[in-house]
Amino acid sequence: MITSNASSRNLLPPVLLLLVVAVMWLTHALLPRAPVLPGSYRLIGLLPLAAGVAVAVAARAQFARAETEINTFAEPTRLVTDGLFRWSRNPMYLGMGLAAAGMAVLSGAATSFLLAAVFVVVVDRWYIAFEERRLRARFGVAYETYARSTRRWV
């Protein structure tokens, strides 16, 4: 269950990503279908997977350097607007979305592409919307100015 207060019951985005990837592979293994991508093309999925992990890890490191809260459901402590955050308000989510897409390509199964898309929609509609409300409440005009000058994704 996902709730809006900080507690151990909240499903953190990286955990959701791992669950989505696990379901991708379980679905692929238990319900084999003809892949939508031939095997020789599936290795291309390593590129968005690697890029996504690199972007998410770099953005996470940037939060650590800024000594700000990373937990989605905790109170934000600093507004980070430099580095990767100059190009995207959500580089960690962008990275996770790329990683999910890369895993879908590696799988080659249509259900995996659907699951990757569902992951991105949930991130956009639930996590990012929740965080943006909290950032607006905490940082006011500073966040509004940042949001107007930096895209949500890319």
Protein backbone atom coordinates (compact mmCIF):
# COMPACT_ATOMS: atom_id res chain seq x y z
CA MET A 1 0.00 0.00 0.00
CA ILE A 2 1.27 3.47 -0.85
CA THR A 3 0.37 6.21 1.58
CA SER A 4 1.23 9.88 1.68
CA ASN A 5 2.82 9.86 5.13
CA ALA A 6 6.34 8.67 5.82
CA SER A 7 6.28 5.13 7.12
CA SER A 8 7.74 1.72 6.43
CA ARG A 9 4.63 0.86 4.34
CA ASN A 10 5.60 3.18 1.48
CA LEU A 11 6.77 1.55 -1.70
CA LEU A 12 9.93 3.39 -2.67
CA PRO A 13 10.55 3.94 -6.40
CA PRO A 14 13.68 1.72 -6.66
CA VAL A 15 11.75 -1.11 -5.01
CA LEU A 16 8.91 -0.61 -7.50
CA LEU A 17 11.45 -0.76 -10.33
CA LEU A 18 12.86 -4.03 -9.01
CA LEU A 19 9.35 -5.46 -8.71
CA VAL A 20 8.52 -4.41 -12.27
CA VAL A 21 11.72 -5.99 -13.58
CA ALA A 22 11.01 -9.18 -11.63
CA VAL A 23 7.48 -9.34 -13.09
CA MET A 24 8.95 -8.73 -16.57
CA TRP A 25 11.21 -11.73 -16.24
CA LEU A 26 8.62 -13.93 -14.53
CA THR A 27 6.07 -13.15 -17.20
CA HIS A 28 8.66 -13.83 -19.89
CA ALA A 29 9.65 -17.13 -18.27
CA LEU A 30 6.18 -18.38 -17.31
CA LEU A 31 4.22 -17.13 -20.31
CA PRO A 32 6.62 -17.37 -23.21
CA ARG A 33 5.41 -15.65 -26.32
CA ALA A 34 7.12 -14.88 -29.57
CA PRO A 35 9.31 -11.84 -28.81
CA VAL A 36 8.48 -8.56 -30.52
CA LEU A 37 12.23 -8.06 -31.00
CA PRO A 38 14.54 -10.67 -32.48
CA GLY A 39 17.33 -11.86 -30.19
CA SER A 40 20.07 -10.06 -32.10
CA TYR A 41 18.41 -6.68 -31.46
CA ARG A 42 17.69 -7.26 -27.80
CA LEU A 43 21.28 -6.58 -26.74
CA ILE A 44 20.65 -2.95 -27.68
CA GLY A 45 18.71 -2.84 -24.40
CA LEU A 46 22.04 -2.78 -22.58
CA LEU A 47 22.51 0.84 -23.72
CA PRO A 48 19.42 2.37 -22.08
CA LEU A 49 19.86 0.04 -19.10
CA ALA A 50 23.46 1.18 -18.52
CA ALA A 51 22.64 4.83 -19.24
CA GLY A 52 19.65 4.72 -16.92
CA VAL A 53 21.60 3.19 -14.05
CA ALA A 54 24.42 5.71 -14.58
CA VAL A 55 22.03 8.69 -14.57
CA ALA A 56 20.15 7.47 -11.47
CA VAL A 57 23.38 6.75 -9.57
CA ALA A 58 24.91 10.11 -10.55
CA ALA A 59 21.76 11.97 -9.44
CA ARG A 60 21.73 10.01 -6.18
CA ALA A 61 25.36 10.97 -5.61
CA GLN A 62 24.47 14.59 -6.27
CA PHE A 63 21.80 14.40 -3.55
CA ALA A 64 24.38 12.92 -1.18
CA ARG A 65 26.85 15.74 -1.91
CA ALA A 66 24.08 18.28 -1.30
CA GLU A 67 23.27 16.48 1.97
CA THR A 68 19.59 16.45 1.16
CA GLU A 69 16.87 13.92 1.81
CA ILE A 70 16.45 11.26 -0.87
CA ASN A 71 13.49 9.35 0.56
CA THR A 72 10.45 10.11 -1.57
CA PHE A 73 8.13 10.28 1.42
CA ALA A 74 10.35 12.28 3.78
CA GLU A 75 10.26 16.05 4.10
CA PRO A 76 12.48 17.68 1.44
CA THR A 77 15.44 19.49 2.98
CA ARG A 78 17.15 21.20 0.02
CA LEU A 79 16.17 22.17 -3.48
CA VAL A 80 18.80 20.77 -5.86
CA THR A 81 18.82 22.61 -9.19
CA ASP A 82 22.35 22.19 -10.54
CA GLY A 83 24.22 19.36 -12.26
CA LEU A 84 21.83 16.81 -13.76
CA PHE A 85 18.95 18.71 -12.19
CA ARG A 86 19.57 21.61 -14.63
CA TRP A 87 18.38 19.34 -17.46
CA SER A 88 15.67 17.36 -15.71
CA ARG A 89 13.75 17.92 -12.49
CA ASN A 90 13.73 14.14 -12.04
CA PRO A 91 16.98 12.57 -13.27
CA MET A 92 16.70 9.66 -10.83
CA TYR A 93 13.26 8.77 -12.20
CA LEU A 94 14.48 9.37 -15.74
CA GLY A 95 17.31 6.92 -15.08
CA MET A 96 14.96 4.33 -13.62
CA GLY A 97 12.60 4.73 -16.59
CA LEU A 98 15.51 4.22 -19.00
CA ALA A 99 16.60 1.16 -17.03
CA ALA A 100 13.07 -0.26 -17.21
CA ALA A 101 12.96 0.37 -20.96
CA GLY A 102 16.36 -1.28 -21.34
CA MET A 103 15.17 -4.33 -19.46
CA ALA A 104 12.08 -4.48 -21.69
CA VAL A 105 14.27 -4.42 -24.79
CA LEU A 106 16.50 -7.14 -23.34
CA SER A 107 13.42 -9.24 -22.68
CA GLY A 108 11.97 -8.56 -26.10
CA ALA A 109 8.47 -9.41 -24.85
CA ALA A 110 5.49 -7.14 -25.46
CA THR A 111 4.39 -7.49 -21.83
CA SER A 112 7.77 -6.14 -20.72
CA PHE A 113 7.28 -3.00 -22.81
CA LEU A 114 3.83 -2.59 -21.29
CA LEU A 115 5.25 -2.99 -17.78
CA ALA A 116 8.00 -0.43 -18.46
CA ALA A 117 5.35 2.02 -19.66
CA VAL A 118 3.22 1.36 -16.57
CA PHE A 119 6.28 2.02 -14.39
CA VAL A 120 6.84 5.41 -16.06
CA VAL A 121 3.16 6.37 -15.73
CA VAL A 122 3.08 5.41 -12.03
CA VAL A 123 6.28 7.38 -11.42
CA ASP A 124 4.89 10.41 -13.24
CA ARG A 125 1.38 10.38 -11.78
CA TRP A 126 2.12 9.18 -8.26
CA TYR A 127 5.69 9.78 -7.12
CA ILE A 128 6.56 12.92 -9.08
CA ALA A 129 3.16 14.53 -8.48
CA PHE A 130 3.49 13.80 -4.75
CA GLU A 131 7.02 15.20 -4.60
CA GLU A 132 6.12 18.30 -6.57
CA ARG A 133 3.30 19.16 -4.15
CA ARG A 134 5.75 18.84 -1.25
CA LEU A 135 8.45 20.87 -3.00
CA ARG A 136 5.97 23.65 -3.81
CA ALA A 137 4.81 23.74 -0.20
CA ARG A 138 8.38 23.74 1.17
CA PHE A 139 10.22 25.99 -1.31
CA GLY A 140 7.43 28.11 -2.80
CA VAL A 141 8.59 30.64 -5.40
CA ALA A 142 12.05 29.08 -5.66
CA TYR A 143 10.53 25.78 -6.73
CA GLU A 144 8.02 27.43 -9.09
CA THR A 145 10.84 29.32 -10.80
CA TYR A 146 12.86 26.12 -11.13
CA ALA A 147 9.85 24.16 -12.43
CA ARG A 148 9.17 26.78 -15.11
CA SER A 149 12.77 26.68 -16.36
CA THR A 150 13.43 22.90 -16.15
CA ARG A 151 11.39 20.14 -17.74
CA ARG A 152 9.91 17.37 -15.61
CA TRP A 153 11.63 14.57 -17.57
CA VAL A 154 14.00 15.94 -20.26
